[in-house]
């Protein structure tokens, strides 16, 4: 139900935009997690349709922007000023039953897209 796209190879300081489209269902919460080799999956950003607000991890705040096109059931992640430490597989996630304190927890999301690899070279 979730189709992610937009990953690739970019030099440090560059930009990429990821997209995640939901087919057949509208979710209140759509966002992104990432997982680097040997590390746990970590929260990146989520857009809360209930209050129309974005939420970010501290590590990407000010560099990444999440936005949502409700008509297309699609969420975007604009990633600017990319760093080598942003290299990871990025996963789109969605759910309808989250509370504020659970939005950053991967285990709270029931729906996941396939990952898309982002590689930032130094």
C-alpha atoms as a PDB file:
ATOM      1  CA  UNK A   1       0.000   0.000   0.000  1.00  0.00           C
ATOM      2  CA  UNK A   2       2.969   2.333   0.491  1.00  0.00           C
ATOM      3  CA  UNK A   3       5.297   2.943  -2.428  1.00  0.00           C
ATOM      4  CA  UNK A   4       8.509   4.807  -1.722  1.00  0.00           C
ATOM      5  CA  UNK A   5      10.822   6.309  -4.312  1.00  0.00           C
ATOM      6  CA  UNK A   6      13.515   8.913  -4.801  1.00  0.00           C
ATOM      7  CA  UNK A   7      16.649   7.514  -3.223  1.00  0.00           C
ATOM      8  CA  UNK A   8      20.040   7.682  -4.848  1.00  0.00           C
ATOM      9  CA  UNK A   9      23.644   8.753  -4.594  1.00  0.00           C
ATOM     10  CA  UNK A  10      24.491  12.344  -3.804  1.00  0.00           C
ATOM     11  CA  UNK A  11      27.536  14.247  -2.630  1.00  0.00           C
ATOM     12  CA  UNK A  12      27.683  15.789   0.804  1.00  0.00           C
ATOM     13  CA  UNK A  13      25.862  19.102   0.828  1.00  0.00           C
ATOM     14  CA  UNK A  14      23.517  17.986  -1.912  1.00  0.00           C
ATOM     15  CA  UNK A  15      19.778  17.376  -1.927  1.00  0.00           C
ATOM     16  CA  UNK A  16      17.330  14.583  -2.619  1.00  0.00           C
ATOM     17  CA  UNK A  17      13.562  14.292  -2.418  1.00  0.00           C
ATOM     18  CA  UNK A  18      11.843  11.114  -1.359  1.00  0.00           C
ATOM     19  CA  UNK A  19       8.218  10.332  -2.108  1.00  0.00           C
ATOM     20  CA  UNK A  20       5.834   7.895  -0.481  1.00  0.00           C
ATOM     21  CA  UNK A  21       2.457   7.264  -2.052  1.00  0.00           C
ATOM     22  CA  UNK A  22      -0.374   5.426  -0.386  1.00  0.00           C
ATOM     23  CA  UNK A  23      -2.729   3.532  -2.609  1.00  0.00           C
ATOM     24  CA  UNK A  24      -6.185   2.551  -1.488  1.00  0.00           C
ATOM     25  CA  UNK A  25      -6.083   4.068   1.952  1.00  0.00           C
ATOM     26  CA  UNK A  26      -5.705   7.430   3.665  1.00  0.00           C
ATOM     27  CA  UNK A  27      -3.546   7.599   6.760  1.00  0.00           C
ATOM     28  CA  UNK A  28      -3.481  10.343   9.359  1.00  0.00           C
ATOM     29  CA  UNK A  29       0.215   9.801  10.029  1.00  0.00           C
ATOM     30  CA  UNK A  30       2.733   9.331   7.230  1.00  0.00           C
ATOM     31  CA  UNK A  31       6.431   9.621   7.739  1.00  0.00           C
ATOM     32  CA  UNK A  32       9.932   8.304   7.371  1.00  0.00           C
ATOM     33  CA  UNK A  33      12.359   6.190   9.288  1.00  0.00           C
ATOM     34  CA  UNK A  34      15.877   5.206   8.282  1.00  0.00           C
ATOM     35  CA  UNK A  35      18.238   2.381   9.033  1.00  0.00           C
ATOM     36  CA  UNK A  36      21.973   2.475   8.531  1.00  0.00           C
ATOM     37  CA  UNK A  37      24.035  -0.722   8.358  1.00  0.00           C
ATOM     38  CA  UNK A  38      24.446  -2.241  11.802  1.00  0.00           C
ATOM     39  CA  UNK A  39      22.124   0.265  13.418  1.00  0.00           C
ATOM     40  CA  UNK A  40      18.538   0.250  14.595  1.00  0.00           C
ATOM     41  CA  UNK A  41      15.784   1.858  12.601  1.00  0.00           C
ATOM     42  CA  UNK A  42      15.436   5.475  13.659  1.00  0.00           C
ATOM     43  CA  UNK A  43      12.756   8.109  13.321  1.00  0.00           C
ATOM     44  CA  UNK A  44      13.317  10.857  10.765  1.00  0.00           C
ATOM     45  CA  UNK A  45      10.077  12.786  10.317  1.00  0.00           C
ATOM     46  CA  UNK A  46       6.315  12.405  10.286  1.00  0.00           C
ATOM     47  CA  UNK A  47       3.425  14.541   9.097  1.00  0.00           C
ATOM     48  CA  UNK A  48       0.385  14.532  11.331  1.00  0.00           C
ATOM     49  CA  UNK A  49      -2.730  15.131   9.271  1.00  0.00           C
ATOM     50  CA  UNK A  50      -4.861  15.581  12.394  1.00  0.00           C
ATOM     51  CA  UNK A  51      -3.164  18.860  13.281  1.00  0.00           C
ATOM     52  CA  UNK A  52      -1.372  19.455   9.960  1.00  0.00           C
ATOM     53  CA  UNK A  53       1.989  19.624  11.666  1.00  0.00           C
ATOM     54  CA  UNK A  54       5.351  18.076  10.857  1.00  0.00           C
ATOM     55  CA  UNK A  55       7.622  16.498  13.451  1.00  0.00           C
ATOM     56  CA  UNK A  56      11.338  15.895  13.056  1.00  0.00           C
ATOM     57  CA  UNK A  57      14.182  14.145  14.770  1.00  0.00           C
ATOM     58  CA  UNK A  58      16.816  16.479  16.125  1.00  0.00           C
ATOM     59  CA  UNK A  59      19.377  15.074  13.710  1.00  0.00           C
ATOM     60  CA  UNK A  60      17.502  16.317  10.623  1.00  0.00           C
ATOM     61  CA  UNK A  61      15.682  19.379  11.950  1.00  0.00           C
ATOM     62  CA  UNK A  62      16.501  22.407   9.847  1.00  0.00           C
ATOM     63  CA  UNK A  63      17.783  20.315   6.935  1.00  0.00           C
ATOM     64  CA  UNK A  64      14.857  18.063   6.037  1.00  0.00           C
ATOM     65  CA  UNK A  65      11.304  19.099   5.281  1.00  0.00           C
ATOM     66  CA  UNK A  66       8.324  16.755   5.236  1.00  0.00           C
ATOM     67  CA  UNK A  67       5.228  17.767   3.354  1.00  0.00           C
ATOM     68  CA  UNK A  68       2.023  16.124   2.288  1.00  0.00           C
ATOM     69  CA  UNK A  69      -0.254  16.227  -0.731  1.00  0.00           C
ATOM     70  CA  UNK A  70      -3.595  15.029   0.566  1.00  0.00           C
ATOM     71  CA  UNK A  71      -5.146  14.827  -2.879  1.00  0.00           C
ATOM     72  CA  UNK A  72      -2.457  12.371  -3.940  1.00  0.00           C
ATOM     73  CA  UNK A  73      -2.149  10.593  -0.584  1.00  0.00           C
ATOM     74  CA  UNK A  74       1.561  11.242  -0.871  1.00  0.00           C
ATOM     75  CA  UNK A  75       4.156  12.471   1.573  1.00  0.00           C
ATOM     76  CA  UNK A  76       7.470  13.960   0.527  1.00  0.00           C
ATOM     77  CA  UNK A  77      10.775  14.299   2.314  1.00  0.00           C
ATOM     78  CA  UNK A  78      12.963  17.068   0.959  1.00  0.00           C
ATOM     79  CA  UNK A  79      16.475  16.455   2.199  1.00  0.00           C
ATOM     80  CA  UNK A  80      18.948  19.320   1.957  1.00  0.00           C
ATOM     81  CA  UNK A  81      22.507  19.771   3.203  1.00  0.00           C
ATOM     82  CA  UNK A  82      22.946  16.044   3.219  1.00  0.00           C
ATOM     83  CA  UNK A  83      25.748  14.548   5.273  1.00  0.00           C
ATOM     84  CA  UNK A  84      27.501  11.178   4.990  1.00  0.00           C
ATOM     85  CA  UNK A  85      25.832  10.166   8.247  1.00  0.00           C
ATOM     86  CA  UNK A  86      22.462  10.475   6.511  1.00  0.00           C
ATOM     87  CA  UNK A  87      23.374   7.412   4.466  1.00  0.00           C
ATOM     88  CA  UNK A  88      20.777   4.743   5.150  1.00  0.00           C
ATOM     89  CA  UNK A  89      17.830   2.871   3.774  1.00  0.00           C
ATOM     90  CA  UNK A  90      14.836   5.136   4.199  1.00  0.00           C
ATOM     91  CA  UNK A  91      11.466   3.575   4.932  1.00  0.00           C
ATOM     92  CA  UNK A  92       8.064   5.126   4.585  1.00  0.00           C
ATOM     93  CA  UNK A  93       5.670   4.371   7.432  1.00  0.00           C
ATOM     94  CA  UNK A  94       2.022   5.112   8.079  1.00  0.00           C
ATOM     95  CA  UNK A  95      -0.640   4.595  10.693  1.00  0.00           C
ATOM     96  CA  UNK A  96      -3.907   6.006  11.972  1.00  0.00           C
ATOM     97  CA  UNK A  97      -3.826   5.317  15.671  1.00  0.00           C
ATOM     98  CA  UNK A  98      -0.774   7.146  16.972  1.00  0.00           C
ATOM     99  CA  UNK A  99      -0.488   9.465  19.914  1.00  0.00           C
ATOM    100  CA  UNK A 100       2.040  12.268  20.196  1.00  0.00           C
ATOM    101  CA  UNK A 101       4.478  10.285  22.283  1.00  0.00           C
ATOM    102  CA  UNK A 102       4.476   7.297  19.928  1.00  0.00           C
ATOM    103  CA  UNK A 103       5.074   9.061  16.624  1.00  0.00           C
ATOM    104  CA  UNK A 104       8.826   8.547  16.895  1.00  0.00           C
ATOM    105  CA  UNK A 105       8.641   4.835  17.589  1.00  0.00           C
ATOM    106  CA  UNK A 106       8.938   2.395  14.704  1.00  0.00           C
ATOM    107  CA  UNK A 107       6.987  -0.236  16.592  1.00  0.00           C
ATOM    108  CA  UNK A 108       3.927   2.031  16.655  1.00  0.00           C
ATOM    109  CA  UNK A 109       3.500   1.960  12.883  1.00  0.00           C
ATOM    110  CA  UNK A 110       1.552  -0.863  11.258  1.00  0.00           C
ATOM    111  CA  UNK A 111       2.175  -0.022   7.620  1.00  0.00           C
ATOM    112  CA  UNK A 112       5.539   0.121   5.890  1.00  0.00           C
ATOM    113  CA  UNK A 113       6.772   0.680   2.389  1.00  0.00           C
ATOM    114  CA  UNK A 114       9.805  -0.871   0.814  1.00  0.00           C
ATOM    115  CA  UNK A 115      13.037   0.921   1.598  1.00  0.00           C
ATOM    116  CA  UNK A 116      14.847   3.286  -0.690  1.00  0.00           C
ATOM    117  CA  UNK A 117      18.593   3.676  -0.381  1.00  0.00           C
ATOM    118  CA  UNK A 118      20.144   7.080   0.159  1.00  0.00           C
ATOM    119  CA  UNK A 119      23.914   7.248  -0.114  1.00  0.00           C
ATOM    120  CA  UNK A 120      25.765  10.453   0.688  1.00  0.00           C
ATOM    121  CA  UNK A 121      29.399  10.518  -0.338  1.00  0.00           C
ATOM    122  CA  UNK A 122      31.976  12.698   1.373  1.00  0.00           C
END
